Amino acid sequence: MNRWARFFSEPAAPEAAFSVSRSHLCGIRVSRKERRASAHVIRPLAPGTLSPAFDRPNISNRAALEAALADAQRRLGAVQASASLLIPEPSVRTALLAFDALPEAAEEREAVLRWKLAKTLPMKISDLRLAFDVVRSNGGARAFCVLALESVVRDYEEAFARTGLRVRAVELPTPHLLGLVPPSAPSDILIVNVEDDTLSLLAVGGGGPALFRVKSIAPGGPEGGPWPFVGTEIANTVHFLEDREKVRIQSVWVRDAGEGPPAALDVLEKRAGCPVRTLSFALPAVAGPREQALLAPLIGQVS
């Protein structure tokens, strides 16, 4: 399932992996031989450092980001290293397109997808970086597409380059959470990723992605934090998948990297109508659930 995690460039074997969000910079040093995290760092970002968005610059305070990066590199021992980068999901748009058939040649497939996507976008398709993967089944083809403004991705790459990091791959956090789902889990699942003010839902069914949604969580909200909203979105998504896509979700897996109270899994189970579990991993040096949640996409990336 991890092949859905890699979008903007060919997967590499980096020496370090980083993720950025509105509130934190996280990083791990990757042991290439053992394919695991050998060190980690979690660095809070000053408010206003990043303003993740699809259609405008994301880095509001370049000096603060680069200072945090330099400190994280020093603590990881990853100076002048190659790296992968997970960027915030509000920085991209995704689309799941269905076709009776698609060309075999990659360049021809991309041309068809760009033509189709250009009809729905408010900017020139030539200004966007596109990555996609195609699943063929039942005589048809489905393309999972991820788009980002070239200028937005380049800003992230250049900020890392100025501190000596060579970004080899730019990716998204939620698909990498699939790497933390136990092998014994059912095949049709829903990943729920709560981070800062964003909720992402990724459904996998029938051997490939069935849905990917990114929603904003309103600040403040009702008593109980974001979870009433999250529960409603889980229920709506499960029902939509069953009614429209004929995919019956068998389990839900939650990552809670938000600042609010922890998820009430029993309440979420009632809304989902199936088991709901928290994604977890074993990394002895990680102190608690908050730190685990912040590092989860990076650990899933190398799992």
C-alpha atoms as a PDB file:
ATOM      1  CA  MET A   1       0.000   0.000   0.000  1.00  0.00           C
ATOM      2  CA  ASN A   2       2.929   2.369   0.506  1.00  0.00           C
ATOM      3  CA  ARG A   3       3.175   3.038  -3.219  1.00  0.00           C
ATOM      4  CA  TRP A   4       0.301   5.519  -2.762  1.00  0.00           C
ATOM      5  CA  ALA A   5       2.522   7.593  -0.519  1.00  0.00           C
ATOM      6  CA  ARG A   6       5.035   8.787  -3.125  1.00  0.00           C
ATOM      7  CA  PHE A   7       3.848  11.522  -5.433  1.00  0.00           C
ATOM      8  CA  PHE A   8       6.117  14.261  -6.664  1.00  0.00           C
ATOM      9  CA  SER A   9       9.293  12.437  -7.613  1.00  0.00           C
ATOM     10  CA  GLU A  10      10.745   8.977  -7.761  1.00  0.00           C
ATOM     11  CA  PRO A  11      11.211   7.449  -4.297  1.00  0.00           C
ATOM     12  CA  ALA A  12      14.778   7.602  -3.093  1.00  0.00           C
ATOM     13  CA  ALA A  13      16.724   6.164  -0.189  1.00  0.00           C
ATOM     14  CA  PRO A  14      17.395   9.407   1.697  1.00  0.00           C
ATOM     15  CA  GLU A  15      19.644   9.837   4.700  1.00  0.00           C
ATOM     16  CA  ALA A  16      16.969  11.845   6.514  1.00  0.00           C
ATOM     17  CA  ALA A  17      13.237  12.432   6.309  1.00  0.00           C
ATOM     18  CA  PHE A  18      11.380  15.557   7.425  1.00  0.00           C
ATOM     19  CA  SER A  19       7.793  16.682   7.788  1.00  0.00           C
ATOM     20  CA  VAL A  20       6.516  20.234   8.170  1.00  0.00           C
ATOM     21  CA  SER A  21       3.166  21.454   9.441  1.00  0.00           C
ATOM     22  CA  ARG A  22       1.779  24.733  10.663  1.00  0.00           C
ATOM     23  CA  SER A  23       3.020  23.968  14.197  1.00  0.00           C
ATOM     24  CA  HIS A  24       6.021  21.599  13.974  1.00  0.00           C
ATOM     25  CA  LEU A  25       9.093  20.489  12.068  1.00  0.00           C
ATOM     26  CA  CYS A  26       9.850  16.800  12.610  1.00  0.00           C
ATOM     27  CA  GLY A  27      12.746  14.745  11.319  1.00  0.00           C
ATOM     28  CA  ILE A  28      14.307  11.316  11.482  1.00  0.00           C
ATOM     29  CA  ARG A  29      17.721  10.006  10.539  1.00  0.00           C
ATOM     30  CA  VAL A  30      17.290   6.914   8.370  1.00  0.00           C
ATOM     31  CA  SER A  31      19.455   3.834   8.740  1.00  0.00           C
ATOM     32  CA  ARG A  32      19.699   2.715   5.105  1.00  0.00           C
ATOM     33  CA  LYS A  33      20.959  -0.744   5.993  1.00  0.00           C
ATOM     34  CA  GLU A  34      18.162  -1.513   8.459  1.00  0.00           C
ATOM     35  CA  ARG A  35      15.501   0.739   6.881  1.00  0.00           C
ATOM     36  CA  ARG A  36      14.489   2.277  10.197  1.00  0.00           C
ATOM     37  CA  ALA A  37      14.752   5.517  12.166  1.00  0.00           C
ATOM     38  CA  SER A  38      18.017   5.726  14.091  1.00  0.00           C
ATOM     39  CA  ALA A  39      17.379   9.207  15.541  1.00  0.00           C
ATOM     40  CA  HIS A  40      14.551  11.720  15.637  1.00  0.00           C
ATOM     41  CA  VAL A  41      13.819  15.367  16.365  1.00  0.00           C
ATOM     42  CA  ILE A  42      10.624  17.336  17.025  1.00  0.00           C
ATOM     43  CA  ARG A  43      10.942  21.116  16.750  1.00  0.00           C
ATOM     44  CA  PRO A  44       7.998  23.492  17.409  1.00  0.00           C
ATOM     45  CA  LEU A  45       7.667  26.248  14.811  1.00  0.00           C
ATOM     46  CA  ALA A  46       6.946  29.829  15.792  1.00  0.00           C
ATOM     47  CA  PRO A  47       3.339  30.826  15.059  1.00  0.00           C
ATOM     48  CA  GLY A  48       3.032  32.177  11.538  1.00  0.00           C
ATOM     49  CA  THR A  49       6.139  30.439  10.178  1.00  0.00           C
ATOM     50  CA  LEU A  50       4.054  28.426   7.704  1.00  0.00           C
ATOM     51  CA  SER A  51       0.667  29.230   6.186  1.00  0.00           C
ATOM     52  CA  PRO A  52      -0.167  26.088   4.199  1.00  0.00           C
ATOM     53  CA  ALA A  53      -2.342  26.768   1.146  1.00  0.00           C
ATOM     54  CA  PHE A  54      -2.677  25.506  -2.400  1.00  0.00           C
ATOM     55  CA  ASP A  55      -2.771  28.799  -4.288  1.00  0.00           C
ATOM     56  CA  ARG A  56      -0.276  31.065  -2.502  1.00  0.00           C
ATOM     57  CA  PRO A  57       3.186  30.979  -0.881  1.00  0.00           C
ATOM     58  CA  ASN A  58       3.373  28.728   2.190  1.00  0.00           C
ATOM     59  CA  ILE A  59       6.504  30.027   3.904  1.00  0.00           C
ATOM     60  CA  SER A  60       5.640  33.232   5.776  1.00  0.00           C
ATOM     61  CA  ASN A  61       8.818  33.413   7.899  1.00  0.00           C
ATOM     62  CA  ARG A  62      11.717  31.944   5.952  1.00  0.00           C
ATOM     63  CA  ALA A  63      14.311  32.826   8.574  1.00  0.00           C
ATOM     64  CA  ALA A  64      12.387  30.992  11.325  1.00  0.00           C
ATOM     65  CA  LEU A  65      11.953  27.877   9.158  1.00  0.00           C
ATOM     66  CA  GLU A  66      15.602  27.772   8.153  1.00  0.00           C
ATOM     67  CA  ALA A  67      16.742  28.269  11.765  1.00  0.00           C
ATOM     68  CA  ALA A  68      14.551  25.347  12.846  1.00  0.00           C
ATOM     69  CA  LEU A  69      15.916  23.245   9.984  1.00  0.00           C
ATOM     70  CA  ALA A  70      19.532  24.017  10.876  1.00  0.00           C
ATOM     71  CA  ASP A  71      18.884  23.052  14.509  1.00  0.00           C
ATOM     72  CA  ALA A  72      17.115  19.823  13.465  1.00  0.00           C
ATOM     73  CA  GLN A  73      19.987  18.899  11.132  1.00  0.00           C
ATOM     74  CA  ARG A  74      22.522  19.441  13.896  1.00  0.00           C
ATOM     75  CA  ARG A  75      20.557  17.304  16.354  1.00  0.00           C
ATOM     76  CA  LEU A  76      20.118  14.527  13.787  1.00  0.00           C
ATOM     77  CA  GLY A  77      23.682  14.673  12.505  1.00  0.00           C
ATOM     78  CA  ALA A  78      22.277  15.128   9.006  1.00  0.00           C
ATOM     79  CA  VAL A  79      24.380  18.000   7.669  1.00  0.00           C
ATOM     80  CA  GLN A  80      24.730  18.069   3.861  1.00  0.00           C
ATOM     81  CA  ALA A  81      22.378  15.068   3.600  1.00  0.00           C
ATOM     82  CA  SER A  82      19.814  13.871   1.091  1.00  0.00           C
ATOM     83  CA  ALA A  83      16.266  14.069   2.414  1.00  0.00           C
ATOM     84  CA  SER A  84      12.623  13.401   1.719  1.00  0.00           C
ATOM     85  CA  LEU A  85      10.018  15.960   2.723  1.00  0.00           C
ATOM     86  CA  LEU A  86       6.362  15.614   3.715  1.00  0.00           C
ATOM     87  CA  ILE A  87       4.501  18.869   3.093  1.00  0.00           C
ATOM     88  CA  PRO A  88       1.123  19.917   4.569  1.00  0.00           C
ATOM     89  CA  GLU A  89      -1.884  18.498   2.768  1.00  0.00           C
ATOM     90  CA  PRO A  90      -3.660  21.874   2.411  1.00  0.00           C
ATOM     91  CA  SER A  91      -0.755  22.711   0.065  1.00  0.00           C
ATOM     92  CA  VAL A  92      -2.013  20.298  -2.595  1.00  0.00           C
ATOM     93  CA  ARG A  93      -5.154  19.298  -4.450  1.00  0.00           C
ATOM     94  CA  THR A  94      -6.038  15.682  -5.138  1.00  0.00           C
ATOM     95  CA  ALA A  95      -8.350  14.055  -7.656  1.00  0.00           C
ATOM     96  CA  LEU A  96      -9.438  10.487  -8.300  1.00  0.00           C
ATOM     97  CA  LEU A  97     -10.384  10.172 -11.983  1.00  0.00           C
ATOM     98  CA  ALA A  98     -12.096   7.224 -13.671  1.00  0.00           C
ATOM     99  CA  PHE A  99     -11.515   6.243 -17.309  1.00  0.00           C
ATOM    100  CA  ASP A 100     -12.627   3.424 -19.582  1.00  0.00           C
ATOM    101  CA  ALA A 101      -8.997   3.256 -20.716  1.00  0.00           C
ATOM    102  CA  LEU A 102      -5.735   5.190 -20.524  1.00  0.00           C
ATOM    103  CA  PRO A 103      -2.699   5.106 -22.826  1.00  0.00           C
ATOM    104  CA  GLU A 104       0.114   2.735 -21.871  1.00  0.00           C
ATOM    105  CA  ALA A 105       2.893   5.307 -22.375  1.00  0.00           C
ATOM    106  CA  ALA A 106       3.510   7.447 -19.272  1.00  0.00           C
ATOM    107  CA  GLU A 107       3.852  10.713 -21.237  1.00  0.00           C
ATOM    108  CA  GLU A 108       0.573  10.107 -23.063  1.00  0.00           C
ATOM    109  CA  ARG A 109      -1.194   9.238 -19.798  1.00  0.00           C
ATOM    110  CA  GLU A 110       0.062  12.455 -18.209  1.00  0.00           C
ATOM    111  CA  ALA A 111      -1.145  14.493 -21.202  1.00  0.00           C
ATOM    112  CA  VAL A 112      -4.652  12.998 -20.889  1.00  0.00           C
ATOM    113  CA  LEU A 113      -4.735  13.656 -17.136  1.00  0.00           C
ATOM    114  CA  ARG A 114      -3.529  17.238 -17.508  1.00  0.00           C
ATOM    115  CA  TRP A 115      -6.187  17.873 -20.170  1.00  0.00           C
ATOM    116  CA  LYS A 116      -8.901  16.463 -17.891  1.00  0.00           C
ATOM    117  CA  LEU A 117      -7.685  18.306 -14.791  1.00  0.00           C
ATOM    118  CA  ALA A 118      -7.260  21.629 -16.620  1.00  0.00           C
ATOM    119  CA  LYS A 119     -11.056  21.872 -16.911  1.00  0.00           C
ATOM    120  CA  THR A 120     -11.474  22.047 -13.121  1.00  0.00           C
ATOM    121  CA  LEU A 121      -8.579  24.289 -12.039  1.00  0.00           C
ATOM    122  CA  PRO A 122      -8.472  28.080 -11.643  1.00  0.00           C
ATOM    123  CA  MET A 123      -4.859  28.337 -12.839  1.00  0.00           C
ATOM    124  CA  LYS A 124      -2.788  27.134 -15.778  1.00  0.00           C
ATOM    125  CA  ILE A 125      -2.081  23.405 -15.622  1.00  0.00           C
ATOM    126  CA  SER A 126       1.466  24.205 -16.805  1.00  0.00           C
ATOM    127  CA  ASP A 127       2.074  26.001 -13.470  1.00  0.00           C
ATOM    128  CA  LEU A 128       1.397  22.806 -11.526  1.00  0.00           C
ATOM    129  CA  ARG A 129       3.506  19.838 -10.597  1.00  0.00           C
ATOM    130  CA  LEU A 130       1.504  16.666 -11.182  1.00  0.00           C
ATOM    131  CA  ALA A 131       2.097  13.175  -9.856  1.00  0.00           C
ATOM    132  CA  PHE A 132      -0.226  10.248 -10.363  1.00  0.00           C
ATOM    133  CA  ASP A 133      -0.648   6.512 -10.109  1.00  0.00           C
ATOM    134  CA  VAL A 134      -3.031   4.370 -12.137  1.00  0.00           C
ATOM    135  CA  VAL A 135      -4.948   1.279 -11.017  1.00  0.00           C
ATOM    136  CA  ARG A 136      -6.575  -0.913 -13.647  1.00  0.00           C
ATOM    137  CA  SER A 137      -9.540  -3.072 -12.639  1.00  0.00           C
ATOM    138  CA  ASN A 138     -12.882  -4.304 -13.961  1.00  0.00           C
ATOM    139  CA  GLY A 139     -11.977  -3.285 -17.493  1.00  0.00           C
ATOM    140  CA  GLY A 140     -11.336   0.357 -16.565  1.00  0.00           C
ATOM    141  CA  ALA A 141      -8.662   2.577 -15.047  1.00  0.00           C
ATOM    142  CA  ARG A 142      -8.550   4.965 -12.088  1.00  0.00           C
ATOM    143  CA  ALA A 143      -5.907   7.643 -11.712  1.00  0.00           C
ATOM    144  CA  PHE A 144      -5.040   9.041  -8.287  1.00  0.00           C
ATOM    145  CA  CYS A 145      -3.649  12.523  -8.985  1.00  0.00           C
ATOM    146  CA  VAL A 146      -1.897  14.998  -6.720  1.00  0.00           C
ATOM    147  CA  LEU A 147      -1.223  18.568  -7.831  1.00  0.00           C
ATOM    148  CA  ALA A 148       0.784  21.394  -6.298  1.00  0.00           C
ATOM    149  CA  LEU A 149       1.865  24.760  -7.572  1.00  0.00           C
ATOM    150  CA  GLU A 150       5.400  24.498  -8.900  1.00  0.00           C
ATOM    151  CA  SER A 151       6.302  27.677  -7.016  1.00  0.00           C
ATOM    152  CA  VAL A 152       5.013  26.295  -3.682  1.00  0.00           C
ATOM    153  CA  VAL A 153       6.995  23.053  -3.932  1.00  0.00           C
ATOM    154  CA  ARG A 154      10.087  24.891  -5.145  1.00  0.00           C
ATOM    155  CA  ASP A 155       9.950  27.251  -2.128  1.00  0.00           C
ATOM    156  CA  TYR A 156      10.104  24.271   0.231  1.00  0.00           C
ATOM    157  CA  GLU A 157      12.926  22.653  -1.758  1.00  0.00           C
ATOM    158  CA  GLU A 158      14.944  25.876  -1.815  1.00  0.00           C
ATOM    159  CA  ALA A 159      14.527  26.473   1.935  1.00  0.00           C
ATOM    160  CA  PHE A 160      15.950  23.005   2.588  1.00  0.00           C
ATOM    161  CA  ALA A 161      18.723  23.508   0.032  1.00  0.00           C
ATOM    162  CA  ARG A 162      19.882  26.677   1.793  1.00  0.00           C
ATOM    163  CA  THR A 163      20.599  24.634   4.918  1.00  0.00           C
ATOM    164  CA  GLY A 164      22.487  21.979   2.937  1.00  0.00           C
ATOM    165  CA  LEU A 165      19.707  19.392   2.514  1.00  0.00           C
ATOM    166  CA  ARG A 166      19.128  17.904  -0.933  1.00  0.00           C
ATOM    167  CA  VAL A 167      15.414  17.116  -1.212  1.00  0.00           C
ATOM    168  CA  ARG A 168      15.021  13.912  -3.222  1.00  0.00           C
ATOM    169  CA  ALA A 169      11.259  13.427  -2.861  1.00  0.00           C
ATOM    170  CA  VAL A 170       8.320  15.646  -1.863  1.00  0.00           C
ATOM    171  CA  GLU A 171       5.367  13.707  -0.532  1.00  0.00           C
ATOM    172  CA  LEU A 172       2.267  13.824   1.705  1.00  0.00           C
ATOM    173  CA  PRO A 173       1.878  12.588   5.291  1.00  0.00           C
ATOM    174  CA  THR A 174      -1.462  10.742   5.270  1.00  0.00           C
ATOM    175  CA  PRO A 175      -0.616   8.061   2.664  1.00  0.00           C
ATOM    176  CA  HIS A 176       2.502   7.160   4.672  1.00  0.00           C
ATOM    177  CA  LEU A 177       0.312   6.250   7.647  1.00  0.00           C
ATOM    178  CA  LEU A 178      -0.581   3.128   5.666  1.00  0.00           C
ATOM    179  CA  GLY A 179       2.881   1.871   6.628  1.00  0.00           C
ATOM    180  CA  LEU A 180       1.751   1.690  10.270  1.00  0.00           C
ATOM    181  CA  VAL A 181      -1.388  -0.380   9.642  1.00  0.00           C
ATOM    182  CA  PRO A 182      -0.788  -3.971  10.827  1.00  0.00           C
ATOM    183  CA  PRO A 183      -0.525  -6.578   8.043  1.00  0.00           C
ATOM    184  CA  SER A 184      -3.407  -8.453   9.664  1.00  0.00           C
ATOM    185  CA  ALA A 185      -5.802  -5.525   9.137  1.00  0.00           C
ATOM    186  CA  PRO A 186      -8.652  -5.897   6.614  1.00  0.00           C
ATOM    187  CA  SER A 187      -7.979  -4.714   3.076  1.00  0.00           C
ATOM    188  CA  ASP A 188     -10.730  -2.052   2.971  1.00  0.00           C
ATOM    189  CA  ILE A 189      -9.775   0.613   5.516  1.00  0.00           C
ATOM    190  CA  LEU A 190     -10.082   4.315   6.269  1.00  0.00           C
ATOM    191  CA  ILE A 191      -7.113   6.368   7.493  1.00  0.00           C
ATOM    192  CA  VAL A 192      -8.078   9.429   9.570  1.00  0.00           C
ATOM    193  CA  ASN A 193      -5.358  12.034  10.087  1.00  0.00           C
ATOM    194  CA  VAL A 194      -6.015  14.936  12.489  1.00  0.00           C
ATOM    195  CA  GLU A 195      -3.247  17.551  12.447  1.00  0.00           C
ATOM    196  CA  ASP A 196      -3.346  21.212  13.471  1.00  0.00           C
ATOM    197  CA  ASP A 197      -6.514  22.574  11.857  1.00  0.00           C
ATOM    198  CA  THR A 198      -6.788  19.899   9.148  1.00  0.00           C
ATOM    199  CA  LEU A 199      -8.609  16.588   8.819  1.00  0.00           C
ATOM    200  CA  SER A 200      -7.498  14.180   6.077  1.00  0.00           C
ATOM    201  CA  LEU A 201      -9.341  10.976   5.170  1.00  0.00           C
ATOM    202  CA  LEU A 202      -7.811   8.317   2.919  1.00  0.00           C
ATOM    203  CA  ALA A 203      -9.847   5.254   1.998  1.00  0.00           C
ATOM    204  CA  VAL A 204      -8.264   2.178   0.461  1.00  0.00           C
ATOM    205  CA  GLY A 205     -10.534  -0.427  -1.107  1.00  0.00           C
ATOM    206  CA  GLY A 206     -10.504  -2.868  -3.956  1.00  0.00           C
ATOM    207  CA  GLY A 207      -6.716  -2.850  -4.150  1.00  0.00           C
ATOM    208  CA  GLY A 208      -6.228   0.900  -4.492  1.00  0.00           C
ATOM    209  CA  PRO A 209      -7.277   4.352  -3.291  1.00  0.00           C
ATOM    210  CA  ALA A 210     -11.036   4.867  -3.192  1.00  0.00           C
ATOM    211  CA  LEU A 211     -11.145   8.408  -1.765  1.00  0.00           C
ATOM    212  CA  PHE A 212      -8.883  11.141  -0.420  1.00  0.00           C
ATOM    213  CA  ARG A 213     -10.362  14.211   1.268  1.00  0.00           C
ATOM    214  CA  VAL A 214      -8.754  17.125   3.096  1.00  0.00           C
ATOM    215  CA  LYS A 215     -11.012  19.318   5.245  1.00  0.00           C
ATOM    216  CA  SER A 216     -10.450  22.330   7.469  1.00  0.00           C
ATOM    217  CA  ILE A 217     -11.268  22.086  11.173  1.00  0.00           C
ATOM    218  CA  ALA A 218     -12.781  25.311  12.447  1.00  0.00           C
ATOM    219  CA  PRO A 219     -10.793  26.891  15.306  1.00  0.00           C
ATOM    220  CA  GLY A 220     -12.395  26.752  18.718  1.00  0.00           C
ATOM    221  CA  GLY A 221     -15.251  24.415  17.926  1.00  0.00           C
ATOM    222  CA  PRO A 222     -17.640  22.706  20.326  1.00  0.00           C
ATOM    223  CA  GLU A 223     -16.785  21.194  23.684  1.00  0.00           C
ATOM    224  CA  GLY A 224     -14.718  18.048  23.125  1.00  0.00           C
ATOM    225  CA  GLY A 225     -12.409  19.635  20.565  1.00  0.00           C
ATOM    226  CA  PRO A 226     -12.524  18.539  16.928  1.00  0.00           C
ATOM    227  CA  TRP A 227     -13.950  15.072  17.572  1.00  0.00           C
ATOM    228  CA  PRO A 228     -17.669  15.737  17.018  1.00  0.00           C
ATOM    229  CA  PHE A 229     -16.739  17.123  13.585  1.00  0.00           C
ATOM    230  CA  VAL A 230     -14.321  14.254  12.916  1.00  0.00           C
ATOM    231  CA  GLY A 231     -16.948  11.680  13.922  1.00  0.00           C
ATOM    232  CA  THR A 232     -19.477  13.211  11.530  1.00  0.00           C
ATOM    233  CA  GLU A 233     -16.950  13.220   8.680  1.00  0.00           C
ATOM    234  CA  ILE A 234     -16.019   9.578   9.342  1.00  0.00           C
ATOM    235  CA  ALA A 235     -19.688   8.549   9.286  1.00  0.00           C
ATOM    236  CA  ASN A 236     -20.385  10.548   6.113  1.00  0.00           C
ATOM    237  CA  THR A 237     -17.326   9.096   4.383  1.00  0.00           C
ATOM    238  CA  VAL A 238     -18.125   5.488   5.331  1.00  0.00           C
ATOM    239  CA  HIS A 239     -21.702   5.877   4.064  1.00  0.00           C
ATOM    240  CA  PHE A 240     -20.565   7.605   0.855  1.00  0.00           C
ATOM    241  CA  LEU A 241     -18.079   4.840   0.081  1.00  0.00           C
ATOM    242  CA  GLU A 242     -20.674   2.137   0.631  1.00  0.00           C
ATOM    243  CA  ASP A 243     -23.396   3.881  -1.397  1.00  0.00           C
ATOM    244  CA  ARG A 244     -21.352   5.335  -4.275  1.00  0.00           C
ATOM    245  CA  GLU A 245     -18.176   3.281  -4.525  1.00  0.00           C
ATOM    246  CA  LYS A 246     -19.527  -0.054  -3.228  1.00  0.00           C
ATOM    247  CA  VAL A 247     -16.624  -0.184  -0.758  1.00  0.00           C
ATOM    248  CA  ARG A 248     -17.463  -1.339   2.755  1.00  0.00           C
ATOM    249  CA  ILE A 249     -14.934   0.002   5.253  1.00  0.00           C
ATOM    250  CA  GLN A 250     -13.935  -2.743   7.704  1.00  0.00           C
ATOM    251  CA  SER A 251     -11.746  -0.729  10.073  1.00  0.00           C
ATOM    252  CA  VAL A 252     -10.736   2.879  10.750  1.00  0.00           C
ATOM    253  CA  TRP A 253      -7.210   3.916  11.796  1.00  0.00           C
ATOM    254  CA  VAL A 254      -6.671   7.271  13.513  1.00  0.00           C
ATOM    255  CA  ARG A 255      -3.648   9.524  13.918  1.00  0.00           C
ATOM    256  CA  ASP A 256      -4.281  12.353  16.363  1.00  0.00           C
ATOM    257  CA  ALA A 257      -1.567  15.011  16.114  1.00  0.00           C
ATOM    258  CA  GLY A 258      -3.863  17.842  17.171  1.00  0.00           C
ATOM    259  CA  GLU A 259      -3.657  20.008  20.271  1.00  0.00           C
ATOM    260  CA  GLY A 260      -7.115  19.104  21.617  1.00  0.00           C
ATOM    261  CA  PRO A 261      -8.251  16.246  23.872  1.00  0.00           C
ATOM    262  CA  PRO A 262      -7.531  12.695  22.662  1.00  0.00           C
ATOM    263  CA  ALA A 263     -10.006  10.917  20.433  1.00  0.00           C
ATOM    264  CA  ALA A 264     -12.840   9.040  22.147  1.00  0.00           C
ATOM    265  CA  LEU A 265     -12.486   5.856  20.116  1.00  0.00           C
ATOM    266  CA  ASP A 266     -15.679   4.280  21.422  1.00  0.00           C
ATOM    267  CA  VAL A 267     -17.680   7.294  20.237  1.00  0.00           C
ATOM    268  CA  LEU A 268     -15.962   7.191  16.840  1.00  0.00           C
ATOM    269  CA  GLU A 269     -16.721   3.459  16.551  1.00  0.00           C
ATOM    270  CA  LYS A 270     -20.421   4.148  16.971  1.00  0.00           C
ATOM    271  CA  ARG A 271     -20.283   6.711  14.174  1.00  0.00           C
ATOM    272  CA  ALA A 272     -18.166   4.503  11.887  1.00  0.00           C
ATOM    273  CA  GLY A 273     -20.023   1.232  12.479  1.00  0.00           C
ATOM    274  CA  CYS A 274     -16.737  -0.696  12.533  1.00  0.00           C
ATOM    275  CA  PRO A 275     -13.611  -1.010  14.720  1.00  0.00           C
ATOM    276  CA  VAL A 276     -11.605   2.199  15.227  1.00  0.00           C
ATOM    277  CA  ARG A 277      -7.965   1.956  16.294  1.00  0.00           C
ATOM    278  CA  THR A 278      -5.117   4.380  16.976  1.00  0.00           C
ATOM    279  CA  LEU A 279      -2.046   4.066  14.759  1.00  0.00           C
ATOM    280  CA  SER A 280       1.062   3.289  16.790  1.00  0.00           C
ATOM    281  CA  PHE A 281       4.652   2.119  16.442  1.00  0.00           C
ATOM    282  CA  ALA A 282       7.574   1.058  18.614  1.00  0.00           C
ATOM    283  CA  LEU A 283      10.372   3.612  18.963  1.00  0.00           C
ATOM    284  CA  PRO A 284      11.818   3.426  22.503  1.00  0.00           C
ATOM    285  CA  ALA A 285      13.203   6.961  22.650  1.00  0.00           C
ATOM    286  CA  VAL A 286       9.786   8.557  21.941  1.00  0.00           C
ATOM    287  CA  ALA A 287       8.336   9.838  25.202  1.00  0.00           C
ATOM    288  CA  GLY A 288       4.571   9.778  24.778  1.00  0.00           C
ATOM    289  CA  PRO A 289       1.518   9.640  22.496  1.00  0.00           C
ATOM    290  CA  ARG A 290       1.839  13.266  21.366  1.00  0.00           C
ATOM    291  CA  GLU A 291       5.413  12.707  20.163  1.00  0.00           C
ATOM    292  CA  GLN A 292       4.391   9.394  18.550  1.00  0.00           C
ATOM    293  CA  ALA A 293       1.597  11.106  16.659  1.00  0.00           C
ATOM    294  CA  LEU A 294       3.895  13.860  15.370  1.00  0.00           C
ATOM    295  CA  LEU A 295       6.453  11.333  14.089  1.00  0.00           C
ATOM    296  CA  ALA A 296       3.950   8.785  12.755  1.00  0.00           C
ATOM    297  CA  PRO A 297       4.045   9.672   9.015  1.00  0.00           C
ATOM    298  CA  LEU A 298       7.856   9.635   9.004  1.00  0.00           C
ATOM    299  CA  ILE A 299       7.981   6.253  10.736  1.00  0.00           C
ATOM    300  CA  GLY A 300       5.351   4.931   8.329  1.00  0.00           C
ATOM    301  CA  GLN A 301       7.502   6.138   5.453  1.00  0.00           C
ATOM    302  CA  VAL A 302      10.387   3.871   6.427  1.00  0.00           C
ATOM    303  CA  SER A 303       8.315   0.942   7.725  1.00  0.00           C
END
